Amino acid sequence: MLAKGEWRLEEFVGFCSGCGKPIHCLHGFLNGIVSEEKEMLYCFQCYEKKEAGQER
């Protein structure tokens, strides 16, 4: 719960390219990862799975 006078800064950025989950910026920090190679947006869980698959 927010304290009186406290603002919750949350802005929708897009959807995860892996699972379709909505991703937001929370208080100025991206709640996900933009991949370097194709500039695609991923949630943390999908990005970890993607990276683990590439290491094999």
PDB file of N, CA and C in Angstrom:
ATOM      1  N   MET A   1       0.835  -1.177   0.000  1.00  0.00           N
ATOM      2  CA  MET A   1       0.000   0.000   0.000  1.00  0.00           C
ATOM      3  C   MET A   1       0.881   1.242   0.000  1.00  0.00           C
ATOM      4  N   LEU A   2       0.468   2.233  -0.721  1.00  0.00           N
ATOM      5  CA  LEU A   2       1.236   3.465  -0.833  1.00  0.00           C
ATOM      6  C   LEU A   2       0.934   4.403   0.328  1.00  0.00           C
ATOM      7  N   ALA A   3       1.971   5.084   0.784  1.00  0.00           N
ATOM      8  CA  ALA A   3       1.797   6.070   1.840  1.00  0.00           C
ATOM      9  C   ALA A   3       1.082   7.288   1.274  1.00  0.00           C
ATOM     10  N   LYS A   4       0.468   8.061   2.140  1.00  0.00           N
ATOM     11  CA  LYS A   4      -0.246   9.259   1.707  1.00  0.00           C
ATOM     12  C   LYS A   4       0.726  10.213   1.002  1.00  0.00           C
ATOM     13  N   GLY A   5       0.349  10.655  -0.179  1.00  0.00           N
ATOM     14  CA  GLY A   5       1.172  11.567  -0.945  1.00  0.00           C
ATOM     15  C   GLY A   5       2.208  10.886  -1.831  1.00  0.00           C
ATOM     16  N   GLU A   6       2.313   9.544  -1.757  1.00  0.00           N
ATOM     17  CA  GLU A   6       3.287   8.813  -2.565  1.00  0.00           C
ATOM     18  C   GLU A   6       2.669   8.449  -3.913  1.00  0.00           C
ATOM     19  N   TRP A   7       3.430   8.636  -4.977  1.00  0.00           N
ATOM     20  CA  TRP A   7       2.952   8.329  -6.319  1.00  0.00           C
ATOM     21  C   TRP A   7       3.573   7.035  -6.801  1.00  0.00           C
ATOM     22  N   ARG A   8       2.783   6.264  -7.493  1.00  0.00           N
ATOM     23  CA  ARG A   8       3.304   5.038  -8.087  1.00  0.00           C
ATOM     24  C   ARG A   8       3.529   5.313  -9.566  1.00  0.00           C
ATOM     25  N   LEU A   9       4.790   5.330  -9.969  1.00  0.00           N
ATOM     26  CA  LEU A   9       5.133   5.590 -11.355  1.00  0.00           C
ATOM     27  C   LEU A   9       5.256   4.268 -12.088  1.00  0.00           C
ATOM     28  N   GLU A  10       4.288   3.982 -12.917  1.00  0.00           N
ATOM     29  CA  GLU A  10       4.271   2.743 -13.676  1.00  0.00           C
ATOM     30  C   GLU A  10       3.803   3.065 -15.087  1.00  0.00           C
ATOM     31  N   GLU A  11       4.612   2.685 -16.067  1.00  0.00           N
ATOM     32  CA  GLU A  11       4.268   2.967 -17.454  1.00  0.00           C
ATOM     33  C   GLU A  11       4.398   1.697 -18.282  1.00  0.00           C
ATOM     34  N   PHE A  12       3.357   1.370 -19.042  1.00  0.00           N
ATOM     35  CA  PHE A  12       3.379   0.209 -19.922  1.00  0.00           C
ATOM     36  C   PHE A  12       4.405   0.427 -21.032  1.00  0.00           C
ATOM     37  N   VAL A  13       5.257  -0.584 -21.280  1.00  0.00           N
ATOM     38  CA  VAL A  13       6.289  -0.489 -22.309  1.00  0.00           C
ATOM     39  C   VAL A  13       5.936  -1.366 -23.508  1.00  0.00           C
ATOM     40  N   GLY A  14       5.501  -2.595 -23.246  1.00  0.00           N
ATOM     41  CA  GLY A  14       5.175  -3.525 -24.323  1.00  0.00           C
ATOM     42  C   GLY A  14       4.938  -4.913 -23.761  1.00  0.00           C
ATOM     43  N   PHE A  15       4.912  -5.888 -24.661  1.00  0.00           N
ATOM     44  CA  PHE A  15       4.678  -7.271 -24.265  1.00  0.00           C
ATOM     45  C   PHE A  15       5.932  -8.101 -24.471  1.00  0.00           C
ATOM     46  N   CYS A  16       6.132  -9.103 -23.625  1.00  0.00           N
ATOM     47  CA  CYS A  16       7.261 -10.014 -23.732  1.00  0.00           C
ATOM     48  C   CYS A  16       7.173 -10.783 -25.048  1.00  0.00           C
ATOM     49  N   SER A  17       8.277 -10.859 -25.774  1.00  0.00           N
ATOM     50  CA  SER A  17       8.315 -11.583 -27.040  1.00  0.00           C
ATOM     51  C   SER A  17       8.222 -13.089 -26.838  1.00  0.00           C
ATOM     52  N   GLY A  18       8.491 -13.557 -25.625  1.00  0.00           N
ATOM     53  CA  GLY A  18       8.439 -14.989 -25.335  1.00  0.00           C
ATOM     54  C   GLY A  18       7.072 -15.469 -24.895  1.00  0.00           C
ATOM     55  N   CYS A  19       6.500 -14.818 -23.880  1.00  0.00           N
ATOM     56  CA  CYS A  19       5.249 -15.321 -23.294  1.00  0.00           C
ATOM     57  C   CYS A  19       4.066 -14.367 -23.436  1.00  0.00           C
ATOM     58  N   GLY A  20       4.317 -13.137 -23.871  1.00  0.00           N
ATOM     59  CA  GLY A  20       3.226 -12.181 -24.059  1.00  0.00           C
ATOM     60  C   GLY A  20       2.837 -11.407 -22.810  1.00  0.00           C
ATOM     61  N   LYS A  21       3.575 -11.596 -21.720  1.00  0.00           N
ATOM     62  CA  LYS A  21       3.296 -10.890 -20.466  1.00  0.00           C
ATOM     63  C   LYS A  21       3.531  -9.386 -20.648  1.00  0.00           C
ATOM     64  N   PRO A  22       2.653  -8.531 -20.126  1.00  0.00           N
ATOM     65  CA  PRO A  22       2.880  -7.086 -20.223  1.00  0.00           C
ATOM     66  C   PRO A  22       4.096  -6.673 -19.383  1.00  0.00           C
ATOM     67  N   ILE A  23       4.898  -5.778 -19.930  1.00  0.00           N
ATOM     68  CA  ILE A  23       6.096  -5.300 -19.244  1.00  0.00           C
ATOM     69  C   ILE A  23       5.963  -3.793 -19.036  1.00  0.00           C
ATOM     70  N   HIS A  24       6.332  -3.356 -17.843  1.00  0.00           N
ATOM     71  CA  HIS A  24       6.207  -1.946 -17.462  1.00  0.00           C
ATOM     72  C   HIS A  24       7.538  -1.386 -17.002  1.00  0.00           C
ATOM     73  N   CYS A  25       7.653  -0.086 -17.009  1.00  0.00           N
ATOM     74  CA  CYS A  25       8.710   0.628 -16.307  1.00  0.00           C
ATOM     75  C   CYS A  25       8.125   0.968 -14.943  1.00  0.00           C
ATOM     76  N   LEU A  26       8.855   0.634 -13.887  1.00  0.00           N
ATOM     77  CA  LEU A  26       8.414   0.929 -12.532  1.00  0.00           C
ATOM     78  C   LEU A  26       9.404   1.897 -11.901  1.00  0.00           C
ATOM     79  N   HIS A  27       8.939   3.076 -11.592  1.00  0.00           N
ATOM     80  CA  HIS A  27       9.770   4.124 -10.989  1.00  0.00           C
ATOM     81  C   HIS A  27      11.034   4.370 -11.805  1.00  0.00           C
ATOM     82  N   GLY A  28      10.911   4.322 -13.127  1.00  0.00           N
ATOM     83  CA  GLY A  28      12.037   4.622 -14.009  1.00  0.00           C
ATOM     84  C   GLY A  28      12.915   3.442 -14.377  1.00  0.00           C
ATOM     85  N   PHE A  29      12.602   2.242 -13.876  1.00  0.00           N
ATOM     86  CA  PHE A  29      13.405   1.063 -14.175  1.00  0.00           C
ATOM     87  C   PHE A  29      12.590   0.076 -14.993  1.00  0.00           C
ATOM     88  N   LEU A  30      13.167  -0.401 -16.099  1.00  0.00           N
ATOM     89  CA  LEU A  30      12.495  -1.367 -16.961  1.00  0.00           C
ATOM     90  C   LEU A  30      12.376  -2.700 -16.243  1.00  0.00           C
ATOM     91  N   ASN A  31      11.175  -3.236 -16.169  1.00  0.00           N
ATOM     92  CA  ASN A  31      10.904  -4.502 -15.504  1.00  0.00           C
ATOM     93  C   ASN A  31      10.994  -5.642 -16.524  1.00  0.00           C
ATOM     94  N   GLY A  32      12.084  -5.670 -17.273  1.00  0.00           N
ATOM     95  CA  GLY A  32      12.328  -6.659 -18.306  1.00  0.00           C
ATOM     96  C   GLY A  32      13.666  -6.377 -18.945  1.00  0.00           C
ATOM     97  N   ILE A  33      13.939  -7.043 -20.081  1.00  0.00           N
ATOM     98  CA  ILE A  33      15.227  -6.912 -20.759  1.00  0.00           C
ATOM     99  C   ILE A  33      14.994  -6.731 -22.248  1.00  0.00           C
ATOM    100  N   VAL A  34      15.750  -5.834 -22.855  1.00  0.00           N
ATOM    101  CA  VAL A  34      15.740  -5.661 -24.306  1.00  0.00           C
ATOM    102  C   VAL A  34      16.956  -6.413 -24.833  1.00  0.00           C
ATOM    103  N   SER A  35      16.731  -7.417 -25.697  1.00  0.00           N
ATOM    104  CA  SER A  35      17.859  -8.184 -26.225  1.00  0.00           C
ATOM    105  C   SER A  35      18.674  -7.320 -27.175  1.00  0.00           C
ATOM    106  N   GLU A  36      19.964  -7.559 -27.203  1.00  0.00           N
ATOM    107  CA  GLU A  36      20.871  -6.731 -28.007  1.00  0.00           C
ATOM    108  C   GLU A  36      20.794  -7.056 -29.492  1.00  0.00           C
ATOM    109  N   GLU A  37      20.649  -8.328 -29.834  1.00  0.00           N
ATOM    110  CA  GLU A  37      20.740  -8.718 -31.238  1.00  0.00           C
ATOM    111  C   GLU A  37      19.570  -8.274 -32.097  1.00  0.00           C
ATOM    112  N   LYS A  38      18.354  -8.324 -31.566  1.00  0.00           N
ATOM    113  CA  LYS A  38      17.186  -7.971 -32.377  1.00  0.00           C
ATOM    114  C   LYS A  38      16.329  -6.892 -31.745  1.00  0.00           C
ATOM    115  N   GLU A  39      16.791  -6.354 -30.628  1.00  0.00           N
ATOM    116  CA  GLU A  39      16.029  -5.343 -29.891  1.00  0.00           C
ATOM    117  C   GLU A  39      14.603  -5.798 -29.607  1.00  0.00           C
ATOM    118  N   MET A  40      14.489  -7.001 -29.051  1.00  0.00           N
ATOM    119  CA  MET A  40      13.194  -7.544 -28.658  1.00  0.00           C
ATOM    120  C   MET A  40      13.070  -7.450 -27.146  1.00  0.00           C
ATOM    121  N   LEU A  41      11.846  -7.305 -26.662  1.00  0.00           N
ATOM    122  CA  LEU A  41      11.565  -7.136 -25.243  1.00  0.00           C
ATOM    123  C   LEU A  41      11.191  -8.474 -24.622  1.00  0.00           C
ATOM    124  N   TYR A  42      11.824  -8.809 -23.493  1.00  0.00           N
ATOM    125  CA  TYR A  42      11.554 -10.063 -22.786  1.00  0.00           C
ATOM    126  C   TYR A  42      11.345  -9.800 -21.301  1.00  0.00           C
ATOM    127  N   CYS A  43      10.488 -10.613 -20.659  1.00  0.00           N
ATOM    128  CA  CYS A  43      10.430 -10.602 -19.201  1.00  0.00           C
ATOM    129  C   CYS A  43      11.685 -11.318 -18.706  1.00  0.00           C
ATOM    130  N   PHE A  44      12.011 -11.183 -17.442  1.00  0.00           N
ATOM    131  CA  PHE A  44      13.239 -11.769 -16.909  1.00  0.00           C
ATOM    132  C   PHE A  44      13.263 -13.285 -17.064  1.00  0.00           C
ATOM    133  N   GLN A  45      12.127 -13.964 -16.821  1.00  0.00           N
ATOM    134  CA  GLN A  45      12.078 -15.421 -16.897  1.00  0.00           C
ATOM    135  C   GLN A  45      12.329 -15.919 -18.325  1.00  0.00           C
ATOM    136  N   CYS A  46      11.702 -15.312 -19.309  1.00  0.00           N
ATOM    137  CA  CYS A  46      11.889 -15.735 -20.699  1.00  0.00           C
ATOM    138  C   CYS A  46      13.303 -15.438 -21.187  1.00  0.00           C
ATOM    139  N   TYR A  47      13.872 -14.332 -20.760  1.00  0.00           N
ATOM    140  CA  TYR A  47      15.231 -13.999 -21.173  1.00  0.00           C
ATOM    141  C   TYR A  47      16.228 -15.007 -20.612  1.00  0.00           C
ATOM    142  N   GLU A  48      16.031 -15.401 -19.354  1.00  0.00           N
ATOM    143  CA  GLU A  48      16.916 -16.402 -18.752  1.00  0.00           C
ATOM    144  C   GLU A  48      16.819 -17.728 -19.503  1.00  0.00           C
ATOM    145  N   LYS A  49      15.604 -18.136 -19.868  1.00  0.00           N
ATOM    146  CA  LYS A  49      15.421 -19.376 -20.637  1.00  0.00           C
ATOM    147  C   LYS A  49      16.093 -19.266 -21.999  1.00  0.00           C
ATOM    148  N   LYS A  50      15.951 -18.116 -22.650  1.00  0.00           N
ATOM    149  CA  LYS A  50      16.541 -17.885 -23.968  1.00  0.00           C
ATOM    150  C   LYS A  50      18.059 -17.957 -23.888  1.00  0.00           C
ATOM    151  N   GLU A  51      18.644 -17.308 -22.902  1.00  0.00           N
ATOM    152  CA  GLU A  51      20.097 -17.305 -22.739  1.00  0.00           C
ATOM    153  C   GLU A  51      20.619 -18.694 -22.384  1.00  0.00           C
ATOM    154  N   ALA A  52      19.905 -19.434 -21.551  1.00  0.00           N
ATOM    155  CA  ALA A  52      20.321 -20.787 -21.185  1.00  0.00           C
ATOM    156  C   ALA A  52      20.308 -21.702 -22.410  1.00  0.00           C
ATOM    157  N   GLY A  53      19.370 -21.511 -23.301  1.00  0.00           N
ATOM    158  CA  GLY A  53      19.286 -22.307 -24.519  1.00  0.00           C
ATOM    159  C   GLY A  53      20.413 -22.008 -25.482  1.00  0.00           C
ATOM    160  N   GLN A  54      20.924 -20.801 -25.506  1.00  0.00           N
ATOM    161  CA  GLN A  54      22.006 -20.412 -26.414  1.00  0.00           C
ATOM    162  C   GLN A  54      23.361 -20.904 -25.933  1.00  0.00           C
ATOM    163  N   GLU A  55      23.503 -21.140 -24.632  1.00  0.00           N
ATOM    164  CA  GLU A  55      24.784 -21.561 -24.072  1.00  0.00           C
ATOM    165  C   GLU A  55      25.091 -23.023 -24.342  1.00  0.00           C
ATOM    166  N   ARG A  56      24.093 -23.781 -24.719  1.00  0.00           N
ATOM    167  CA  ARG A  56      24.288 -25.224 -24.929  1.00  0.00           C
ATOM    168  C   ARG A  56      25.040 -25.512 -26.174  1.00  0.00           C
TER     169      ARG A  56
END
